[in-house]
Amino acid sequence: MKKRLKKDTIIGIAIAIPSIIAIAIFVYGFIFWTVRVSMSNWNSFSSLLRGVYKFVGFKNYIRLFQDDRFITDLWNTAFFTLFFLLGSIALGLLLAVLLDSKIKGAQVFQNIYLFPMAVSFVVTGTVWSWIFAPGIIPEHPQGINLILKNLGLNHLMWNWYTSTDHWGPFNLALIPVIIAAVWQLSGYTMAMYLAGLRGIPIEIEEAAKVDGASGWQIFWKIKFPLLKPITLSAMIILGHISLKIFDLVFAMTGSGPNFVTDMPSIYMFELTFRSNRYARGSAIAIIMLLMVAVVIIPYLVNSMKKEVRL
């Protein structure tokens, strides 16, 4: 028996070793290399080819936080993440509750709501850029503005993602981008909530009805508290997506006028692959990694603690 266990252990280790090596090289090795580059003066293609390396410490990071564009990017990311999370979770929960109420054609609607998940962010960004294309206001509007004009609602026409209007640090041009992102991911949160609702024992709901609880009370006082783990998981997953968002914004609006829809990932792409400023681009990559880590690591630690208790 011991020989069998020892043999299985050796086989398991042998199978895992290639994956461990690949992760060590292509994940942690490249993270280390990015950190190294971010603390260097590699800001030209020629210096990269010659392998010239000069350690400059946190100089690139300091320059970034003195850069108005990067500060705007951080504000854009913060507002995008906030409203994207609120919109996706609220809409996903609403759709899940409606489908769980056994309405007619629930299966058809469920598939329709899930359909956006099958579309890439690039396609989503391209299609919604057509929808929110402002055109020339008021003579030659396009997209939604054309619909508003035909309805006689000319006063509601707006520049959408080309607008430079803002409320404090919040650029209003982000609204179309947030709508597109919510449209794509609300079906995902709906599926999570729907699975959670259907996993709640029917006996709990029946007992609450016997005690005289209304449908509203059953949801808010019984079902909703039981859905907290799902809400937390949805926030972690969606937060991870929003903090490193690139393809949707790049395909839909790019940086926008005055960087009103710019994101750290777009700035990193332009610095690294268009300006050959590898060190500053790497610094942005590390900052994005830290932002994602702040969201994910506490969740992973909490999950590991729960597993240990079990």
C-alpha atoms as a PDB file:
ATOM      1  CA  MET A   1       0.000   0.000   0.000  1.00  0.00           C
ATOM      2  CA  LYS A   2       2.826   2.396   0.933  1.00  0.00           C
ATOM      3  CA  LYS A   3       4.668   1.573  -2.293  1.00  0.00           C
ATOM      4  CA  ARG A   4       1.502   2.333  -4.269  1.00  0.00           C
ATOM      5  CA  LEU A   5       1.072   5.684  -2.518  1.00  0.00           C
ATOM      6  CA  LYS A   6       4.733   6.527  -3.089  1.00  0.00           C
ATOM      7  CA  LYS A   7       4.425   5.637  -6.769  1.00  0.00           C
ATOM      8  CA  ASP A   8       1.274   7.765  -7.154  1.00  0.00           C
ATOM      9  CA  THR A   9       3.033  10.672  -5.452  1.00  0.00           C
ATOM     10  CA  ILE A  10       6.004  10.431  -7.808  1.00  0.00           C
ATOM     11  CA  ILE A  11       3.715  10.243 -10.849  1.00  0.00           C
ATOM     12  CA  GLY A  12       1.730  13.260  -9.606  1.00  0.00           C
ATOM     13  CA  ILE A  13       4.906  15.290  -9.077  1.00  0.00           C
ATOM     14  CA  ALA A  14       6.225  14.273 -12.518  1.00  0.00           C
ATOM     15  CA  ILE A  15       2.990  15.404 -14.161  1.00  0.00           C
ATOM     16  CA  ALA A  16       3.000  18.706 -12.265  1.00  0.00           C
ATOM     17  CA  ILE A  17       6.661  19.602 -12.875  1.00  0.00           C
ATOM     18  CA  PRO A  18       6.230  20.842 -16.524  1.00  0.00           C
ATOM     19  CA  SER A  19       3.370  23.116 -15.458  1.00  0.00           C
ATOM     20  CA  ILE A  20       5.345  24.409 -12.465  1.00  0.00           C
ATOM     21  CA  ILE A  21       8.339  25.179 -14.696  1.00  0.00           C
ATOM     22  CA  ALA A  22       6.139  26.893 -17.301  1.00  0.00           C
ATOM     23  CA  ILE A  23       4.425  29.030 -14.633  1.00  0.00           C
ATOM     24  CA  ALA A  24       7.744  29.876 -13.005  1.00  0.00           C
ATOM     25  CA  ILE A  25       9.183  31.075 -16.320  1.00  0.00           C
ATOM     26  CA  PHE A  26       6.243  32.588 -18.184  1.00  0.00           C
ATOM     27  CA  VAL A  27       4.419  34.117 -15.207  1.00  0.00           C
ATOM     28  CA  TYR A  28       6.731  34.873 -12.300  1.00  0.00           C
ATOM     29  CA  GLY A  29       9.847  35.100 -14.447  1.00  0.00           C
ATOM     30  CA  PHE A  30       8.248  37.653 -16.736  1.00  0.00           C
ATOM     31  CA  ILE A  31       6.824  39.578 -13.759  1.00  0.00           C
ATOM     32  CA  PHE A  32      10.361  39.817 -12.330  1.00  0.00           C
ATOM     33  CA  TRP A  33      11.682  40.917 -15.731  1.00  0.00           C
ATOM     34  CA  THR A  34       8.969  43.584 -16.016  1.00  0.00           C
ATOM     35  CA  VAL A  35       9.852  44.897 -12.544  1.00  0.00           C
ATOM     36  CA  ARG A  36      13.519  45.016 -13.591  1.00  0.00           C
ATOM     37  CA  VAL A  37      12.734  46.927 -16.786  1.00  0.00           C
ATOM     38  CA  SER A  38      10.428  49.337 -14.920  1.00  0.00           C
ATOM     39  CA  MET A  39      13.388  50.369 -12.741  1.00  0.00           C
ATOM     40  CA  SER A  40      15.716  50.926 -15.680  1.00  0.00           C
ATOM     41  CA  ASN A  41      16.294  53.590 -18.323  1.00  0.00           C
ATOM     42  CA  TRP A  42      15.255  51.374 -21.235  1.00  0.00           C
ATOM     43  CA  ASN A  43      13.270  54.004 -23.084  1.00  0.00           C
ATOM     44  CA  SER A  44      14.499  53.532 -26.626  1.00  0.00           C
ATOM     45  CA  PHE A  45      14.591  50.643 -29.092  1.00  0.00           C
ATOM     46  CA  SER A  46      18.322  50.964 -29.661  1.00  0.00           C
ATOM     47  CA  SER A  47      19.152  50.657 -25.951  1.00  0.00           C
ATOM     48  CA  LEU A  48      16.950  47.565 -25.780  1.00  0.00           C
ATOM     49  CA  LEU A  49      18.821  45.940 -28.690  1.00  0.00           C
ATOM     50  CA  ARG A  50      22.219  46.765 -27.151  1.00  0.00           C
ATOM     51  CA  GLY A  51      21.089  45.487 -23.766  1.00  0.00           C
ATOM     52  CA  VAL A  52      22.103  48.718 -22.055  1.00  0.00           C
ATOM     53  CA  TYR A  53      20.758  48.669 -18.528  1.00  0.00           C
ATOM     54  CA  LYS A  54      20.990  51.419 -15.957  1.00  0.00           C
ATOM     55  CA  PHE A  55      19.168  51.142 -12.653  1.00  0.00           C
ATOM     56  CA  VAL A  56      17.126  54.280 -11.890  1.00  0.00           C
ATOM     57  CA  GLY A  57      15.016  53.017  -8.981  1.00  0.00           C
ATOM     58  CA  PHE A  58      11.482  54.359  -8.772  1.00  0.00           C
ATOM     59  CA  LYS A  59      12.137  57.258 -11.128  1.00  0.00           C
ATOM     60  CA  ASN A  60       9.697  55.954 -13.771  1.00  0.00           C
ATOM     61  CA  TYR A  61       6.966  55.485 -11.158  1.00  0.00           C
ATOM     62  CA  ILE A  62       7.475  59.013  -9.815  1.00  0.00           C
ATOM     63  CA  ARG A  63       7.234  60.423 -13.340  1.00  0.00           C
ATOM     64  CA  LEU A  64       3.981  58.556 -13.914  1.00  0.00           C
ATOM     65  CA  PHE A  65       2.340  60.013 -10.831  1.00  0.00           C
ATOM     66  CA  GLN A  66       3.430  63.450 -12.002  1.00  0.00           C
ATOM     67  CA  ASP A  67       1.862  62.800 -15.429  1.00  0.00           C
ATOM     68  CA  ASP A  68      -1.583  64.387 -15.854  1.00  0.00           C
ATOM     69  CA  ARG A  69      -2.599  61.750 -18.381  1.00  0.00           C
ATOM     70  CA  PHE A  70      -1.809  58.889 -16.011  1.00  0.00           C
ATOM     71  CA  ILE A  71      -3.710  60.580 -13.170  1.00  0.00           C
ATOM     72  CA  THR A  72      -6.685  60.926 -15.532  1.00  0.00           C
ATOM     73  CA  ASP A  73      -6.343  57.240 -16.392  1.00  0.00           C
ATOM     74  CA  LEU A  74      -6.496  56.284 -12.716  1.00  0.00           C
ATOM     75  CA  TRP A  75      -9.639  58.366 -12.189  1.00  0.00           C
ATOM     76  CA  ASN A  76     -11.194  56.835 -15.317  1.00  0.00           C
ATOM     77  CA  THR A  77     -10.387  53.343 -14.055  1.00  0.00           C
ATOM     78  CA  ALA A  78     -11.845  54.087 -10.626  1.00  0.00           C
ATOM     79  CA  PHE A  79     -15.128  55.440 -12.003  1.00  0.00           C
ATOM     80  CA  PHE A  80     -15.387  52.771 -14.680  1.00  0.00           C
ATOM     81  CA  THR A  81     -14.859  50.019 -12.089  1.00  0.00           C
ATOM     82  CA  LEU A  82     -17.388  51.515  -9.661  1.00  0.00           C
ATOM     83  CA  PHE A  83     -20.254  51.971 -12.124  1.00  0.00           C
ATOM     84  CA  PHE A  84     -19.426  48.817 -14.073  1.00  0.00           C
ATOM     85  CA  LEU A  85     -19.666  46.735 -10.887  1.00  0.00           C
ATOM     86  CA  LEU A  86     -22.855  48.431  -9.719  1.00  0.00           C
ATOM     87  CA  GLY A  87     -24.524  48.131 -13.128  1.00  0.00           C
ATOM     88  CA  SER A  88     -23.529  44.525 -13.824  1.00  0.00           C
ATOM     89  CA  ILE A  89     -24.424  43.256 -10.348  1.00  0.00           C
ATOM     90  CA  ALA A  90     -27.722  45.160 -10.101  1.00  0.00           C
ATOM     91  CA  LEU A  91     -28.885  44.202 -13.599  1.00  0.00           C
ATOM     92  CA  GLY A  92     -27.666  40.619 -13.235  1.00  0.00           C
ATOM     93  CA  LEU A  93     -29.511  40.223  -9.933  1.00  0.00           C
ATOM     94  CA  LEU A  94     -32.701  41.701 -11.391  1.00  0.00           C
ATOM     95  CA  LEU A  95     -32.608  39.375 -14.398  1.00  0.00           C
ATOM     96  CA  ALA A  96     -31.894  36.361 -12.180  1.00  0.00           C
ATOM     97  CA  VAL A  97     -34.856  37.166  -9.909  1.00  0.00           C
ATOM     98  CA  LEU A  98     -37.158  37.537 -12.916  1.00  0.00           C
ATOM     99  CA  LEU A  99     -36.026  34.225 -14.409  1.00  0.00           C
ATOM    100  CA  ASP A 100     -36.285  32.487 -11.032  1.00  0.00           C
ATOM    101  CA  SER A 101     -39.912  33.593 -10.745  1.00  0.00           C
ATOM    102  CA  LYS A 102     -40.805  30.959 -13.382  1.00  0.00           C
ATOM    103  CA  ILE A 103     -41.983  33.396 -16.058  1.00  0.00           C
ATOM    104  CA  LYS A 104     -43.035  31.964 -19.417  1.00  0.00           C
ATOM    105  CA  GLY A 105     -40.157  31.464 -21.843  1.00  0.00           C
ATOM    106  CA  ALA A 106     -37.583  31.771 -19.051  1.00  0.00           C
ATOM    107  CA  GLN A 107     -35.193  29.397 -20.830  1.00  0.00           C
ATOM    108  CA  VAL A 108     -35.323  31.479 -24.020  1.00  0.00           C
ATOM    109  CA  PHE A 109     -34.685  34.732 -22.145  1.00  0.00           C
ATOM    110  CA  GLN A 110     -31.870  33.098 -20.179  1.00  0.00           C
ATOM    111  CA  ASN A 111     -30.073  32.215 -23.420  1.00  0.00           C
ATOM    112  CA  ILE A 112     -30.661  35.708 -24.801  1.00  0.00           C
ATOM    113  CA  TYR A 113     -29.199  37.345 -21.688  1.00  0.00           C
ATOM    114  CA  LEU A 114     -26.192  35.035 -21.802  1.00  0.00           C
ATOM    115  CA  PHE A 115     -25.516  35.669 -25.499  1.00  0.00           C
ATOM    116  CA  PRO A 116     -23.303  38.781 -25.007  1.00  0.00           C
ATOM    117  CA  MET A 117     -20.816  36.577 -23.137  1.00  0.00           C
ATOM    118  CA  ALA A 118     -20.109  34.758 -26.408  1.00  0.00           C
ATOM    119  CA  VAL A 119     -19.035  38.010 -28.059  1.00  0.00           C
ATOM    120  CA  SER A 120     -15.498  39.335 -27.669  1.00  0.00           C
ATOM    121  CA  PHE A 121     -14.864  42.767 -26.176  1.00  0.00           C
ATOM    122  CA  VAL A 122     -13.497  43.914 -29.543  1.00  0.00           C
ATOM    123  CA  VAL A 123     -16.776  43.102 -31.282  1.00  0.00           C
ATOM    124  CA  THR A 124     -18.760  44.668 -28.454  1.00  0.00           C
ATOM    125  CA  GLY A 125     -16.687  47.838 -28.611  1.00  0.00           C
ATOM    126  CA  THR A 126     -17.022  48.094 -32.393  1.00  0.00           C
ATOM    127  CA  VAL A 127     -20.812  47.618 -32.407  1.00  0.00           C
ATOM    128  CA  TRP A 128     -21.445  50.010 -29.519  1.00  0.00           C
ATOM    129  CA  SER A 129     -19.170  52.591 -31.136  1.00  0.00           C
ATOM    130  CA  TRP A 130     -21.596  52.574 -34.085  1.00  0.00           C
ATOM    131  CA  ILE A 131     -24.564  52.884 -31.746  1.00  0.00           C
ATOM    132  CA  PHE A 132     -23.105  55.819 -29.804  1.00  0.00           C
ATOM    133  CA  ALA A 133     -21.428  57.520 -32.773  1.00  0.00           C
ATOM    134  CA  PRO A 134     -22.663  61.118 -32.398  1.00  0.00           C
ATOM    135  CA  GLY A 135     -22.287  62.178 -36.028  1.00  0.00           C
ATOM    136  CA  ILE A 136     -22.508  65.885 -36.748  1.00  0.00           C
ATOM    137  CA  ILE A 137     -25.012  67.509 -34.389  1.00  0.00           C
ATOM    138  CA  PRO A 138     -27.617  68.699 -35.217  1.00  0.00           C
ATOM    139  CA  GLU A 139     -27.467  68.446 -39.039  1.00  0.00           C
ATOM    140  CA  HIS A 140     -26.169  64.914 -39.591  1.00  0.00           C
ATOM    141  CA  PRO A 141     -26.570  62.842 -36.415  1.00  0.00           C
ATOM    142  CA  GLN A 142     -25.822  59.110 -36.275  1.00  0.00           C
ATOM    143  CA  GLY A 143     -26.698  56.173 -34.050  1.00  0.00           C
ATOM    144  CA  ILE A 144     -28.827  57.046 -31.038  1.00  0.00           C
ATOM    145  CA  ASN A 145     -28.736  60.724 -31.946  1.00  0.00           C
ATOM    146  CA  LEU A 146     -30.444  59.931 -35.264  1.00  0.00           C
ATOM    147  CA  ILE A 147     -33.203  58.064 -33.401  1.00  0.00           C
ATOM    148  CA  LEU A 148     -33.636  61.022 -31.039  1.00  0.00           C
ATOM    149  CA  LYS A 149     -33.856  63.407 -33.989  1.00  0.00           C
ATOM    150  CA  ASN A 150     -36.518  61.284 -35.687  1.00  0.00           C
ATOM    151  CA  LEU A 151     -38.480  61.261 -32.427  1.00  0.00           C
ATOM    152  CA  GLY A 152     -38.300  65.039 -32.221  1.00  0.00           C
ATOM    153  CA  LEU A 153     -36.037  64.932 -29.152  1.00  0.00           C
ATOM    154  CA  ASN A 154     -33.263  67.078 -30.586  1.00  0.00           C
ATOM    155  CA  HIS A 155     -32.513  68.569 -27.172  1.00  0.00           C
ATOM    156  CA  LEU A 156     -31.372  65.139 -25.930  1.00  0.00           C
ATOM    157  CA  MET A 157     -28.748  64.693 -28.659  1.00  0.00           C
ATOM    158  CA  TRP A 158     -25.249  64.534 -27.214  1.00  0.00           C
ATOM    159  CA  ASN A 159     -21.652  63.909 -28.247  1.00  0.00           C
ATOM    160  CA  TRP A 160     -21.513  60.681 -26.235  1.00  0.00           C
ATOM    161  CA  TYR A 161     -17.982  59.223 -26.120  1.00  0.00           C
ATOM    162  CA  THR A 162     -16.503  62.248 -27.917  1.00  0.00           C
ATOM    163  CA  SER A 163     -17.780  64.627 -25.247  1.00  0.00           C
ATOM    164  CA  THR A 164     -15.257  66.457 -23.083  1.00  0.00           C
ATOM    165  CA  ASP A 165     -17.840  67.371 -20.430  1.00  0.00           C
ATOM    166  CA  HIS A 166     -17.092  66.245 -16.906  1.00  0.00           C
ATOM    167  CA  TRP A 167     -18.391  66.347 -13.340  1.00  0.00           C
ATOM    168  CA  GLY A 168     -15.292  66.916 -11.300  1.00  0.00           C
ATOM    169  CA  PRO A 169     -12.849  64.101 -12.188  1.00  0.00           C
ATOM    170  CA  PHE A 170     -15.632  62.009 -13.776  1.00  0.00           C
ATOM    171  CA  ASN A 171     -15.558  62.270 -17.575  1.00  0.00           C
ATOM    172  CA  LEU A 172     -19.087  61.871 -18.953  1.00  0.00           C
ATOM    173  CA  ALA A 173     -17.699  60.222 -22.094  1.00  0.00           C
ATOM    174  CA  LEU A 174     -17.206  57.094 -19.965  1.00  0.00           C
ATOM    175  CA  ILE A 175     -20.982  56.557 -19.779  1.00  0.00           C
ATOM    176  CA  PRO A 176     -21.275  54.834 -23.205  1.00  0.00           C
ATOM    177  CA  VAL A 177     -18.260  52.646 -22.381  1.00  0.00           C
ATOM    178  CA  ILE A 178     -19.812  51.624 -19.053  1.00  0.00           C
ATOM    179  CA  ILE A 179     -23.125  50.819 -20.763  1.00  0.00           C
ATOM    180  CA  ALA A 180     -21.366  48.581 -23.298  1.00  0.00           C
ATOM    181  CA  ALA A 181     -19.409  46.767 -20.568  1.00  0.00           C
ATOM    182  CA  VAL A 182     -22.526  46.245 -18.430  1.00  0.00           C
ATOM    183  CA  TRP A 183     -24.384  44.883 -21.467  1.00  0.00           C
ATOM    184  CA  GLN A 184     -21.643  42.293 -21.994  1.00  0.00           C
ATOM    185  CA  LEU A 185     -21.128  41.106 -18.400  1.00  0.00           C
ATOM    186  CA  SER A 186     -24.573  41.449 -16.782  1.00  0.00           C
ATOM    187  CA  GLY A 187     -25.544  38.083 -18.294  1.00  0.00           C
ATOM    188  CA  TYR A 188     -22.588  36.510 -16.516  1.00  0.00           C
ATOM    189  CA  THR A 189     -23.646  37.872 -13.127  1.00  0.00           C
ATOM    190  CA  MET A 190     -27.212  36.788 -13.921  1.00  0.00           C
ATOM    191  CA  ALA A 191     -26.015  33.205 -14.398  1.00  0.00           C
ATOM    192  CA  MET A 192     -24.150  33.315 -11.079  1.00  0.00           C
ATOM    193  CA  TYR A 193     -27.141  34.690  -9.176  1.00  0.00           C
ATOM    194  CA  LEU A 194     -29.555  32.325 -10.894  1.00  0.00           C
ATOM    195  CA  ALA A 195     -27.459  29.341  -9.835  1.00  0.00           C
ATOM    196  CA  GLY A 196     -27.421  30.694  -6.295  1.00  0.00           C
ATOM    197  CA  LEU A 197     -31.173  31.276  -6.180  1.00  0.00           C
ATOM    198  CA  ARG A 198     -31.926  27.806  -7.480  1.00  0.00           C
ATOM    199  CA  GLY A 199     -29.563  26.344  -4.902  1.00  0.00           C
ATOM    200  CA  ILE A 200     -31.568  27.733  -1.974  1.00  0.00           C
ATOM    201  CA  PRO A 201     -33.701  24.946  -0.439  1.00  0.00           C
ATOM    202  CA  ILE A 202     -37.408  25.394  -1.188  1.00  0.00           C
ATOM    203  CA  GLU A 203     -38.182  24.415   2.418  1.00  0.00           C
ATOM    204  CA  ILE A 204     -36.744  27.722   3.672  1.00  0.00           C
ATOM    205  CA  GLU A 205     -39.058  29.729   1.412  1.00  0.00           C
ATOM    206  CA  GLU A 206     -42.075  27.613   2.342  1.00  0.00           C
ATOM    207  CA  ALA A 207     -41.358  28.028   6.056  1.00  0.00           C
ATOM    208  CA  ALA A 208     -41.149  31.798   5.612  1.00  0.00           C
ATOM    209  CA  LYS A 209     -44.499  31.832   3.793  1.00  0.00           C
ATOM    210  CA  VAL A 210     -46.084  29.859   6.625  1.00  0.00           C
ATOM    211  CA  ASP A 211     -44.805  32.537   9.030  1.00  0.00           C
ATOM    212  CA  GLY A 212     -46.575  35.173   6.922  1.00  0.00           C
ATOM    213  CA  ALA A 213     -43.583  36.669   5.100  1.00  0.00           C
ATOM    214  CA  SER A 214     -44.300  38.427   1.820  1.00  0.00           C
ATOM    215  CA  GLY A 215     -42.363  37.740  -1.385  1.00  0.00           C
ATOM    216  CA  TRP A 216     -40.390  40.954  -0.903  1.00  0.00           C
ATOM    217  CA  GLN A 217     -39.485  40.038   2.682  1.00  0.00           C
ATOM    218  CA  ILE A 218     -38.474  36.516   1.656  1.00  0.00           C
ATOM    219  CA  PHE A 219     -36.085  37.922  -0.931  1.00  0.00           C
ATOM    220  CA  TRP A 220     -34.430  40.664   1.144  1.00  0.00           C
ATOM    221  CA  LYS A 221     -34.316  38.885   4.516  1.00  0.00           C
ATOM    222  CA  ILE A 222     -33.687  35.292   3.421  1.00  0.00           C
ATOM    223  CA  LYS A 223     -32.516  34.923  -0.169  1.00  0.00           C
ATOM    224  CA  PHE A 224     -30.374  38.022  -0.573  1.00  0.00           C
ATOM    225  CA  PRO A 225     -28.219  37.357   2.543  1.00  0.00           C
ATOM    226  CA  LEU A 226     -27.598  33.824   1.257  1.00  0.00           C
ATOM    227  CA  LEU A 227     -26.341  35.308  -2.022  1.00  0.00           C
ATOM    228  CA  LYS A 228     -23.545  37.326  -0.366  1.00  0.00           C
ATOM    229  CA  PRO A 229     -20.779  34.848  -1.346  1.00  0.00           C
ATOM    230  CA  ILE A 230     -21.927  35.069  -4.973  1.00  0.00           C
ATOM    231  CA  THR A 231     -21.964  38.864  -4.814  1.00  0.00           C
ATOM    232  CA  LEU A 232     -18.414  38.847  -3.452  1.00  0.00           C
ATOM    233  CA  SER A 233     -17.253  36.447  -6.183  1.00  0.00           C
ATOM    234  CA  ALA A 234     -18.899  38.582  -8.860  1.00  0.00           C
ATOM    235  CA  MET A 235     -17.234  41.721  -7.486  1.00  0.00           C
ATOM    236  CA  ILE A 236     -13.816  40.048  -7.525  1.00  0.00           C
ATOM    237  CA  ILE A 237     -14.158  38.712 -11.073  1.00  0.00           C
ATOM    238  CA  LEU A 238     -15.672  41.880 -12.529  1.00  0.00           C
ATOM    239  CA  GLY A 239     -13.225  44.072 -10.616  1.00  0.00           C
ATOM    240  CA  HIS A 240     -10.334  42.084 -12.064  1.00  0.00           C
ATOM    241  CA  ILE A 241     -11.737  42.587 -15.572  1.00  0.00           C
ATOM    242  CA  SER A 242     -12.366  46.309 -15.140  1.00  0.00           C
ATOM    243  CA  LEU A 243      -8.959  47.153 -13.668  1.00  0.00           C
ATOM    244  CA  LYS A 244      -7.128  45.778 -16.713  1.00  0.00           C
ATOM    245  CA  ILE A 245      -9.732  46.662 -19.359  1.00  0.00           C
ATOM    246  CA  PHE A 246      -8.198  47.336 -22.761  1.00  0.00           C
ATOM    247  CA  ASP A 247      -9.871  45.748 -25.793  1.00  0.00           C
ATOM    248  CA  LEU A 248     -13.381  47.150 -25.230  1.00  0.00           C
ATOM    249  CA  VAL A 249     -12.203  50.736 -24.728  1.00  0.00           C
ATOM    250  CA  PHE A 250      -9.550  50.552 -27.443  1.00  0.00           C
ATOM    251  CA  ALA A 251     -12.027  49.239 -30.025  1.00  0.00           C
ATOM    252  CA  MET A 252     -14.846  51.553 -28.989  1.00  0.00           C
ATOM    253  CA  THR A 253     -13.282  54.939 -28.277  1.00  0.00           C
ATOM    254  CA  GLY A 254      -9.518  54.713 -27.914  1.00  0.00           C
ATOM    255  CA  SER A 255      -8.168  57.408 -25.627  1.00  0.00           C
ATOM    256  CA  GLY A 256     -10.834  59.880 -26.693  1.00  0.00           C
ATOM    257  CA  PRO A 257     -10.374  63.649 -26.943  1.00  0.00           C
ATOM    258  CA  ASN A 258      -8.279  64.973 -24.032  1.00  0.00           C
ATOM    259  CA  PHE A 259      -7.973  61.353 -22.833  1.00  0.00           C
ATOM    260  CA  VAL A 260     -11.570  61.321 -21.559  1.00  0.00           C
ATOM    261  CA  THR A 261     -11.847  57.548 -22.068  1.00  0.00           C
ATOM    262  CA  ASP A 262      -8.186  56.668 -21.646  1.00  0.00           C
ATOM    263  CA  MET A 263      -7.155  53.746 -19.418  1.00  0.00           C
ATOM    264  CA  PRO A 264      -3.777  52.696 -17.953  1.00  0.00           C
ATOM    265  CA  SER A 265      -3.681  49.706 -20.315  1.00  0.00           C
ATOM    266  CA  ILE A 266      -4.054  51.947 -23.376  1.00  0.00           C
ATOM    267  CA  TYR A 267      -1.369  54.304 -22.097  1.00  0.00           C
ATOM    268  CA  MET A 268       0.910  51.311 -21.458  1.00  0.00           C
ATOM    269  CA  PHE A 269       0.297  50.000 -24.987  1.00  0.00           C
ATOM    270  CA  GLU A 270       1.111  53.359 -26.564  1.00  0.00           C
ATOM    271  CA  LEU A 271       4.232  53.922 -24.459  1.00  0.00           C
ATOM    272  CA  THR A 272       5.605  50.418 -25.024  1.00  0.00           C
ATOM    273  CA  PHE A 273       4.703  49.585 -28.615  1.00  0.00           C
ATOM    274  CA  ARG A 274       4.385  52.998 -30.248  1.00  0.00           C
ATOM    275  CA  SER A 275       6.890  55.171 -28.376  1.00  0.00           C
ATOM    276  CA  ASN A 276       9.376  52.407 -27.409  1.00  0.00           C
ATOM    277  CA  ARG A 277       9.408  53.662 -23.814  1.00  0.00           C
ATOM    278  CA  TYR A 278       9.712  50.218 -22.345  1.00  0.00           C
ATOM    279  CA  ALA A 279      10.617  51.260 -18.818  1.00  0.00           C
ATOM    280  CA  ARG A 280       7.619  53.547 -18.305  1.00  0.00           C
ATOM    281  CA  GLY A 281       5.319  51.055 -20.011  1.00  0.00           C
ATOM    282  CA  SER A 282       6.591  48.350 -17.656  1.00  0.00           C
ATOM    283  CA  ALA A 283       5.983  50.642 -14.682  1.00  0.00           C
ATOM    284  CA  ILE A 284       2.335  51.008 -15.703  1.00  0.00           C
ATOM    285  CA  ALA A 285       2.086  47.218 -16.095  1.00  0.00           C
ATOM    286  CA  ILE A 286       3.373  46.705 -12.538  1.00  0.00           C
ATOM    287  CA  ILE A 287       0.977  49.318 -11.160  1.00  0.00           C
ATOM    288  CA  MET A 288      -1.911  47.533 -12.899  1.00  0.00           C
ATOM    289  CA  LEU A 289      -0.693  44.224 -11.455  1.00  0.00           C
ATOM    290  CA  LEU A 290      -0.684  45.735  -7.961  1.00  0.00           C
ATOM    291  CA  MET A 291      -4.209  47.108  -8.424  1.00  0.00           C
ATOM    292  CA  VAL A 292      -5.475  43.683  -9.439  1.00  0.00           C
ATOM    293  CA  ALA A 293      -3.538  42.053  -6.577  1.00  0.00           C
ATOM    294  CA  VAL A 294      -5.193  44.381  -4.057  1.00  0.00           C
ATOM    295  CA  VAL A 295      -8.557  43.061  -5.239  1.00  0.00           C
ATOM    296  CA  ILE A 296      -7.736  39.366  -5.608  1.00  0.00           C
ATOM    297  CA  ILE A 297      -5.240  38.513  -2.838  1.00  0.00           C
ATOM    298  CA  PRO A 298      -7.575  39.260   0.126  1.00  0.00           C
ATOM    299  CA  TYR A 299     -10.233  37.093  -1.519  1.00  0.00           C
ATOM    300  CA  LEU A 300      -7.774  34.213  -2.038  1.00  0.00           C
ATOM    301  CA  VAL A 301      -6.488  34.486   1.533  1.00  0.00           C
ATOM    302  CA  ASN A 302     -10.034  34.439   2.890  1.00  0.00           C
ATOM    303  CA  SER A 303     -10.896  31.413   0.732  1.00  0.00           C
ATOM    304  CA  MET A 304      -7.810  29.535   1.932  1.00  0.00           C
ATOM    305  CA  LYS A 305      -8.697  30.250   5.571  1.00  0.00           C
ATOM    306  CA  LYS A 306     -12.183  28.841   5.021  1.00  0.00           C
ATOM    307  CA  GLU A 307     -10.743  25.690   3.448  1.00  0.00           C
ATOM    308  CA  VAL A 308      -8.390  25.210   6.409  1.00  0.00           C
ATOM    309  CA  ARG A 309     -11.308  25.529   8.855  1.00  0.00           C
ATOM    310  CA  LEU A 310     -13.238  22.895   6.911  1.00  0.00           C
END
